[in-house]
Amino acid sequence: MAHKKGVGSTDNGRDSKSKRLGVKLFGGQLAIAGNIIVRQRGTKFHPGLNVGIGRDHTLFALTDGTVEFVTRRLDRTFVNIVPFEEVTETVAPIAQAEKVTKPAPAEKPAAEPKVEAPKTAPKPAQEEETVDAEANKASLLKSVGEASADDKDDLKKIKGVGPKLEEMLNSIGIYTFAQVSKMTKAEYDLVDSLITAFKGRAERDEWAEQAKELMQ
């Protein structure tokens, strides 16, 4: 008696399983902690910032953020999760309309002398932030050395540095590959404190190593 091959055979099972491999979330997409980013067999993609790896080499998000694919040395592709920056929204309080009451007929009171409003003292917090920024900049340049615009290298050759970021680096005194090549974890932290919009990028993209190679 002939036996019919049932639906969902072992061949079909293997075919279905292979179709599940591949990139699940692409660069620029939003990921929630626990989301699977890549299913793979082997390590074609490597875990980067805020990304974990399972026993079957599946890559998953460790925190909420935006997916980012970065190619580093030896053409290795790393997957990062760039966390969302918390933005505190300030809602201006709605001014309540003052009730206008009709004064009762009475004698006009004597005019009171005008009192000048006291002058507002400068906010100490702003002064402290300025002092901290100047101190961090001085500490950074003391570690990596000073340079001028005349010595300027094309910092855009460093992966992860675009025209805007190069302009910001120049504004804090960083002009040359030689300065970048001297950066360590301490200097990366100082750069992050001075350029908060690109926080973590210097260490993640290994600027110092790239600068050393560009100097050869």
C-alpha atoms as a PDB file:
ATOM      1  CA  MET A   1       0.000   0.000   0.000  1.00  0.00           C
ATOM      2  CA  ALA A   2       1.468   3.358  -1.026  1.00  0.00           C
ATOM      3  CA  HIS A   3       1.955   5.968   1.625  1.00  0.00           C
ATOM      4  CA  LYS A   4       1.316   9.620   0.840  1.00  0.00           C
ATOM      5  CA  LYS A   5       3.838  12.168   1.936  1.00  0.00           C
ATOM      6  CA  GLY A   6       2.225  14.279   4.626  1.00  0.00           C
ATOM      7  CA  VAL A   7       2.097  18.040   4.680  1.00  0.00           C
ATOM      8  CA  GLY A   8       4.978  19.624   6.592  1.00  0.00           C
ATOM      9  CA  SER A   9       7.576  16.975   5.723  1.00  0.00           C
ATOM     10  CA  THR A  10      11.174  17.146   6.926  1.00  0.00           C
ATOM     11  CA  ASP A  11      12.230  18.743   3.628  1.00  0.00           C
ATOM     12  CA  ASN A  12       9.575  21.419   4.010  1.00  0.00           C
ATOM     13  CA  GLY A  13      10.695  22.000   7.579  1.00  0.00           C
ATOM     14  CA  ARG A  14      14.271  22.594   6.523  1.00  0.00           C
ATOM     15  CA  ASP A  15      13.176  24.936   3.716  1.00  0.00           C
ATOM     16  CA  SER A  16      11.037  26.959   6.112  1.00  0.00           C
ATOM     17  CA  LYS A  17      13.835  27.208   8.665  1.00  0.00           C
ATOM     18  CA  SER A  18      16.372  28.515   6.139  1.00  0.00           C
ATOM     19  CA  LYS A  19      13.991  31.260   5.045  1.00  0.00           C
ATOM     20  CA  ARG A  20      14.047  32.669   8.554  1.00  0.00           C
ATOM     21  CA  LEU A  21      17.782  33.454   8.350  1.00  0.00           C
ATOM     22  CA  GLY A  22      18.965  36.925   7.370  1.00  0.00           C
ATOM     23  CA  VAL A  23      18.711  40.571   8.421  1.00  0.00           C
ATOM     24  CA  LYS A  24      15.460  41.333  10.246  1.00  0.00           C
ATOM     25  CA  LEU A  25      16.049  45.018  11.061  1.00  0.00           C
ATOM     26  CA  PHE A  26      18.037  47.243   8.701  1.00  0.00           C
ATOM     27  CA  GLY A  27      20.113  50.363   9.362  1.00  0.00           C
ATOM     28  CA  GLY A  28      18.030  53.332  10.466  1.00  0.00           C
ATOM     29  CA  GLN A  29      15.128  51.209  11.698  1.00  0.00           C
ATOM     30  CA  LEU A  30      13.936  51.401  15.298  1.00  0.00           C
ATOM     31  CA  ALA A  31      14.594  48.468  17.619  1.00  0.00           C
ATOM     32  CA  ILE A  32      13.199  47.638  21.047  1.00  0.00           C
ATOM     33  CA  ALA A  33      15.279  45.775  23.631  1.00  0.00           C
ATOM     34  CA  GLY A  34      14.995  42.050  22.859  1.00  0.00           C
ATOM     35  CA  ASN A  35      14.215  42.486  19.154  1.00  0.00           C
ATOM     36  CA  ILE A  36      16.127  40.137  16.836  1.00  0.00           C
ATOM     37  CA  ILE A  37      18.249  42.104  14.355  1.00  0.00           C
ATOM     38  CA  VAL A  38      20.022  39.307  12.430  1.00  0.00           C
ATOM     39  CA  ARG A  39      19.501  35.534  12.282  1.00  0.00           C
ATOM     40  CA  GLN A  40      22.630  33.843  10.961  1.00  0.00           C
ATOM     41  CA  ARG A  41      24.744  30.734  11.020  1.00  0.00           C
ATOM     42  CA  GLY A  42      28.317  31.817  11.603  1.00  0.00           C
ATOM     43  CA  THR A  43      29.549  35.352  12.275  1.00  0.00           C
ATOM     44  CA  LYS A  44      28.992  37.310   9.088  1.00  0.00           C
ATOM     45  CA  PHE A  45      27.729  40.108  11.349  1.00  0.00           C
ATOM     46  CA  HIS A  46      29.379  40.888  14.700  1.00  0.00           C
ATOM     47  CA  PRO A  47      27.778  42.375  17.838  1.00  0.00           C
ATOM     48  CA  GLY A  48      28.695  45.994  18.483  1.00  0.00           C
ATOM     49  CA  LEU A  49      27.421  48.666  20.862  1.00  0.00           C
ATOM     50  CA  ASN A  50      24.277  47.620  22.821  1.00  0.00           C
ATOM     51  CA  VAL A  51      23.905  44.384  20.789  1.00  0.00           C
ATOM     52  CA  GLY A  52      24.005  40.825  22.215  1.00  0.00           C
ATOM     53  CA  ILE A  53      24.679  37.477  20.531  1.00  0.00           C
ATOM     54  CA  GLY A  54      23.036  34.127  21.225  1.00  0.00           C
ATOM     55  CA  ARG A  55      24.449  30.605  21.054  1.00  0.00           C
ATOM     56  CA  ASP A  56      23.227  30.268  17.459  1.00  0.00           C
ATOM     57  CA  HIS A  57      24.945  33.606  16.564  1.00  0.00           C
ATOM     58  CA  THR A  58      21.609  35.446  16.485  1.00  0.00           C
ATOM     59  CA  LEU A  59      22.113  39.186  17.141  1.00  0.00           C
ATOM     60  CA  PHE A  60      19.545  41.005  19.295  1.00  0.00           C
ATOM     61  CA  ALA A  61      19.056  44.498  20.762  1.00  0.00           C
ATOM     62  CA  LEU A  62      20.030  45.071  24.402  1.00  0.00           C
ATOM     63  CA  THR A  63      18.339  48.486  24.582  1.00  0.00           C
ATOM     64  CA  ASP A  64      15.866  50.647  22.667  1.00  0.00           C
ATOM     65  CA  GLY A  65      17.375  52.666  19.833  1.00  0.00           C
ATOM     66  CA  THR A  66      18.233  52.901  16.127  1.00  0.00           C
ATOM     67  CA  VAL A  67      19.962  50.080  14.204  1.00  0.00           C
ATOM     68  CA  GLU A  68      23.352  50.955  12.719  1.00  0.00           C
ATOM     69  CA  PHE A  69      25.654  48.804  10.540  1.00  0.00           C
ATOM     70  CA  VAL A  70      29.367  49.769  10.633  1.00  0.00           C
ATOM     71  CA  THR A  71      32.167  48.237   8.518  1.00  0.00           C
ATOM     72  CA  ARG A  72      35.518  48.200  10.266  1.00  0.00           C
ATOM     73  CA  ARG A  73      38.942  46.785   9.530  1.00  0.00           C
ATOM     74  CA  LEU A  74      39.232  43.475   7.685  1.00  0.00           C
ATOM     75  CA  ASP A  75      35.772  44.215   6.170  1.00  0.00           C
ATOM     76  CA  ARG A  76      34.064  43.033   9.351  1.00  0.00           C
ATOM     77  CA  THR A  77      30.531  44.334   9.749  1.00  0.00           C
ATOM     78  CA  PHE A  78      29.394  45.299  13.256  1.00  0.00           C
ATOM     79  CA  VAL A  79      25.805  45.957  14.301  1.00  0.00           C
ATOM     80  CA  ASN A  80      25.196  48.760  16.829  1.00  0.00           C
ATOM     81  CA  ILE A  81      22.131  50.122  18.590  1.00  0.00           C
ATOM     82  CA  VAL A  82      22.319  53.899  18.997  1.00  0.00           C
ATOM     83  CA  PRO A  83      20.139  54.696  22.054  1.00  0.00           C
ATOM     84  CA  PHE A  84      17.433  57.320  21.867  1.00  0.00           C
ATOM     85  CA  GLU A  85      18.518  60.568  23.520  1.00  0.00           C
ATOM     86  CA  GLU A  86      16.095  61.600  26.202  1.00  0.00           C
ATOM     87  CA  VAL A  87      14.565  64.949  25.410  1.00  0.00           C
ATOM     88  CA  THR A  88      12.826  66.808  28.164  1.00  0.00           C
ATOM     89  CA  GLU A  89       9.962  68.869  26.865  1.00  0.00           C
ATOM     90  CA  THR A  90       9.181  72.001  28.781  1.00  0.00           C
ATOM     91  CA  VAL A  91       5.622  73.216  28.588  1.00  0.00           C
ATOM     92  CA  ALA A  92       5.165  76.869  29.291  1.00  0.00           C
ATOM     93  CA  PRO A  93       2.538  77.393  31.978  1.00  0.00           C
ATOM     94  CA  ILE A  94      -0.671  78.955  30.758  1.00  0.00           C
ATOM     95  CA  ALA A  95      -1.071  82.357  32.258  1.00  0.00           C
ATOM     96  CA  GLN A  96      -4.379  82.671  33.978  1.00  0.00           C
ATOM     97  CA  ALA A  97      -6.384  85.701  33.002  1.00  0.00           C
ATOM     98  CA  GLU A  98      -6.635  88.130  35.812  1.00  0.00           C
ATOM     99  CA  LYS A  99     -10.141  88.916  36.872  1.00  0.00           C
ATOM    100  CA  VAL A 100     -10.996  92.542  36.321  1.00  0.00           C
ATOM    101  CA  THR A 101     -13.085  93.947  39.108  1.00  0.00           C
ATOM    102  CA  LYS A 102     -14.701  97.309  39.073  1.00  0.00           C
ATOM    103  CA  PRO A 103     -13.357  99.389  41.913  1.00  0.00           C
ATOM    104  CA  ALA A 104     -15.883 100.893  44.239  1.00  0.00           C
ATOM    105  CA  PRO A 105     -16.121 104.634  44.019  1.00  0.00           C
ATOM    106  CA  ALA A 106     -13.683 106.060  46.499  1.00  0.00           C
ATOM    107  CA  GLU A 107     -11.109 108.726  46.885  1.00  0.00           C
ATOM    108  CA  LYS A 108      -8.003 108.390  44.775  1.00  0.00           C
ATOM    109  CA  PRO A 109      -5.150 106.977  46.850  1.00  0.00           C
ATOM    110  CA  ALA A 110      -1.934 108.869  47.049  1.00  0.00           C
ATOM    111  CA  ALA A 111       0.564 107.867  44.394  1.00  0.00           C
ATOM    112  CA  GLU A 112       3.141 105.428  45.730  1.00  0.00           C
ATOM    113  CA  PRO A 113       6.789 106.039  44.945  1.00  0.00           C
ATOM    114  CA  LYS A 114       8.158 103.905  42.137  1.00  0.00           C
ATOM    115  CA  VAL A 115      10.419 101.090  43.258  1.00  0.00           C
ATOM    116  CA  GLU A 116      13.089  99.962  40.838  1.00  0.00           C
ATOM    117  CA  ALA A 117      13.171  96.224  40.237  1.00  0.00           C
ATOM    118  CA  PRO A 118      16.405  94.597  41.425  1.00  0.00           C
ATOM    119  CA  LYS A 119      18.802  93.613  38.690  1.00  0.00           C
ATOM    120  CA  THR A 120      18.879  89.880  37.992  1.00  0.00           C
ATOM    121  CA  ALA A 121      22.208  88.300  38.810  1.00  0.00           C
ATOM    122  CA  PRO A 122      23.751  86.041  36.136  1.00  0.00           C
ATOM    123  CA  LYS A 123      22.855  82.384  36.415  1.00  0.00           C
ATOM    124  CA  PRO A 124      25.699  80.513  38.134  1.00  0.00           C
ATOM    125  CA  ALA A 125      24.840  77.272  36.292  1.00  0.00           C
ATOM    126  CA  GLN A 126      25.655  78.818  32.914  1.00  0.00           C
ATOM    127  CA  GLU A 127      28.938  80.149  34.243  1.00  0.00           C
ATOM    128  CA  GLU A 128      29.842  76.726  35.631  1.00  0.00           C
ATOM    129  CA  GLU A 129      29.097  75.038  32.286  1.00  0.00           C
ATOM    130  CA  THR A 130      31.338  77.523  30.466  1.00  0.00           C
ATOM    131  CA  VAL A 131      34.151  77.002  32.960  1.00  0.00           C
ATOM    132  CA  ASP A 132      33.822  73.202  32.714  1.00  0.00           C
ATOM    133  CA  ALA A 133      33.912  73.302  28.902  1.00  0.00           C
ATOM    134  CA  GLU A 134      37.038  75.467  28.877  1.00  0.00           C
ATOM    135  CA  ALA A 135      38.715  73.203  31.445  1.00  0.00           C
ATOM    136  CA  ASN A 136      37.876  70.063  29.448  1.00  0.00           C
ATOM    137  CA  LYS A 137      39.158  71.649  26.239  1.00  0.00           C
ATOM    138  CA  ALA A 138      42.429  72.660  27.921  1.00  0.00           C
ATOM    139  CA  SER A 139      42.854  69.163  29.368  1.00  0.00           C
ATOM    140  CA  LEU A 140      42.200  67.560  25.959  1.00  0.00           C
ATOM    141  CA  LEU A 141      44.739  69.739  24.136  1.00  0.00           C
ATOM    142  CA  LYS A 142      47.286  69.180  26.900  1.00  0.00           C
ATOM    143  CA  SER A 143      47.043  65.420  26.270  1.00  0.00           C
ATOM    144  CA  VAL A 144      47.014  65.375  22.457  1.00  0.00           C
ATOM    145  CA  GLY A 145      48.978  68.563  21.769  1.00  0.00           C
ATOM    146  CA  GLU A 146      47.950  71.832  20.160  1.00  0.00           C
ATOM    147  CA  ALA A 147      47.673  72.539  16.441  1.00  0.00           C
ATOM    148  CA  SER A 148      46.419  75.326  14.205  1.00  0.00           C
ATOM    149  CA  ALA A 149      44.328  75.571  11.063  1.00  0.00           C
ATOM    150  CA  ASP A 150      47.571  75.858   9.059  1.00  0.00           C
ATOM    151  CA  ASP A 151      48.438  72.254  10.062  1.00  0.00           C
ATOM    152  CA  LYS A 152      44.941  70.994   9.245  1.00  0.00           C
ATOM    153  CA  ASP A 153      44.479  67.402   7.977  1.00  0.00           C
ATOM    154  CA  ASP A 154      41.359  66.129   6.206  1.00  0.00           C
ATOM    155  CA  LEU A 155      39.679  64.567   9.253  1.00  0.00           C
ATOM    156  CA  LYS A 156      36.790  63.409   7.038  1.00  0.00           C
ATOM    157  CA  LYS A 157      39.039  60.516   5.955  1.00  0.00           C
ATOM    158  CA  ILE A 158      38.354  58.994   9.378  1.00  0.00           C
ATOM    159  CA  LYS A 159      35.291  56.734   9.157  1.00  0.00           C
ATOM    160  CA  GLY A 160      32.387  58.268  11.039  1.00  0.00           C
ATOM    161  CA  VAL A 161      33.598  61.881  10.637  1.00  0.00           C
ATOM    162  CA  GLY A 162      31.603  64.049   8.246  1.00  0.00           C
ATOM    163  CA  PRO A 163      31.843  67.765   7.377  1.00  0.00           C
ATOM    164  CA  LYS A 164      29.735  68.829  10.389  1.00  0.00           C
ATOM    165  CA  LEU A 165      31.697  66.744  12.892  1.00  0.00           C
ATOM    166  CA  GLU A 166      35.018  67.882  11.387  1.00  0.00           C
ATOM    167  CA  GLU A 167      33.920  71.494  11.891  1.00  0.00           C
ATOM    168  CA  MET A 168      33.068  70.759  15.546  1.00  0.00           C
ATOM    169  CA  LEU A 169      36.445  69.072  16.114  1.00  0.00           C
ATOM    170  CA  ASN A 170      38.214  72.106  14.659  1.00  0.00           C
ATOM    171  CA  SER A 171      36.238  74.359  17.016  1.00  0.00           C
ATOM    172  CA  ILE A 172      37.737  72.565  20.056  1.00  0.00           C
ATOM    173  CA  GLY A 173      41.276  72.653  18.651  1.00  0.00           C
ATOM    174  CA  ILE A 174      41.489  69.225  16.953  1.00  0.00           C
ATOM    175  CA  TYR A 175      42.952  69.646  13.443  1.00  0.00           C
ATOM    176  CA  THR A 176      45.407  66.815  12.737  1.00  0.00           C
ATOM    177  CA  PHE A 177      45.672  63.033  12.556  1.00  0.00           C
ATOM    178  CA  ALA A 178      48.582  63.271  15.010  1.00  0.00           C
ATOM    179  CA  GLN A 179      46.283  64.742  17.674  1.00  0.00           C
ATOM    180  CA  VAL A 180      43.596  62.101  17.101  1.00  0.00           C
ATOM    181  CA  SER A 181      46.161  59.263  17.171  1.00  0.00           C
ATOM    182  CA  LYS A 182      47.069  60.172  20.782  1.00  0.00           C
ATOM    183  CA  MET A 183      43.503  59.783  22.050  1.00  0.00           C
ATOM    184  CA  THR A 184      42.681  57.132  24.661  1.00  0.00           C
ATOM    185  CA  LYS A 185      39.526  56.409  26.656  1.00  0.00           C
ATOM    186  CA  ALA A 186      40.111  59.553  28.753  1.00  0.00           C
ATOM    187  CA  GLU A 187      40.395  61.785  25.679  1.00  0.00           C
ATOM    188  CA  TYR A 188      37.348  60.153  24.058  1.00  0.00           C
ATOM    189  CA  ASP A 189      35.345  61.077  27.184  1.00  0.00           C
ATOM    190  CA  LEU A 190      36.560  64.687  26.965  1.00  0.00           C
ATOM    191  CA  VAL A 191      35.525  64.845  23.289  1.00  0.00           C
ATOM    192  CA  ASP A 192      32.076  63.480  24.252  1.00  0.00           C
ATOM    193  CA  SER A 193      31.693  66.185  26.927  1.00  0.00           C
ATOM    194  CA  LEU A 194      32.511  68.911  24.392  1.00  0.00           C
ATOM    195  CA  ILE A 195      30.595  67.471  21.393  1.00  0.00           C
ATOM    196  CA  THR A 196      27.508  65.868  22.920  1.00  0.00           C
ATOM    197  CA  ALA A 197      25.657  65.414  19.598  1.00  0.00           C
ATOM    198  CA  PHE A 198      28.046  62.604  18.556  1.00  0.00           C
ATOM    199  CA  LYS A 199      28.626  61.052  21.976  1.00  0.00           C
ATOM    200  CA  GLY A 200      30.344  57.647  21.893  1.00  0.00           C
ATOM    201  CA  ARG A 201      31.319  57.760  18.207  1.00  0.00           C
ATOM    202  CA  ALA A 202      35.067  58.374  18.748  1.00  0.00           C
ATOM    203  CA  GLU A 203      35.511  55.251  20.859  1.00  0.00           C
ATOM    204  CA  ARG A 204      33.088  53.111  18.848  1.00  0.00           C
ATOM    205  CA  ASP A 205      34.788  53.844  15.508  1.00  0.00           C
ATOM    206  CA  GLU A 206      38.328  53.620  16.965  1.00  0.00           C
ATOM    207  CA  TRP A 207      39.461  57.036  15.759  1.00  0.00           C
ATOM    208  CA  ALA A 208      42.965  56.746  17.203  1.00  0.00           C
ATOM    209  CA  GLU A 209      43.681  53.508  15.309  1.00  0.00           C
ATOM    210  CA  GLN A 210      42.336  54.966  12.064  1.00  0.00           C
ATOM    211  CA  ALA A 211      44.439  58.131  12.486  1.00  0.00           C
ATOM    212  CA  LYS A 212      47.615  56.075  13.002  1.00  0.00           C
ATOM    213  CA  GLU A 213      46.962  54.186   9.766  1.00  0.00           C
ATOM    214  CA  LEU A 214      46.285  57.432   7.866  1.00  0.00           C
ATOM    215  CA  MET A 215      49.607  58.859   9.106  1.00  0.00           C
ATOM    216  CA  GLN A 216      51.605  55.994   7.555  1.00  0.00           C
END
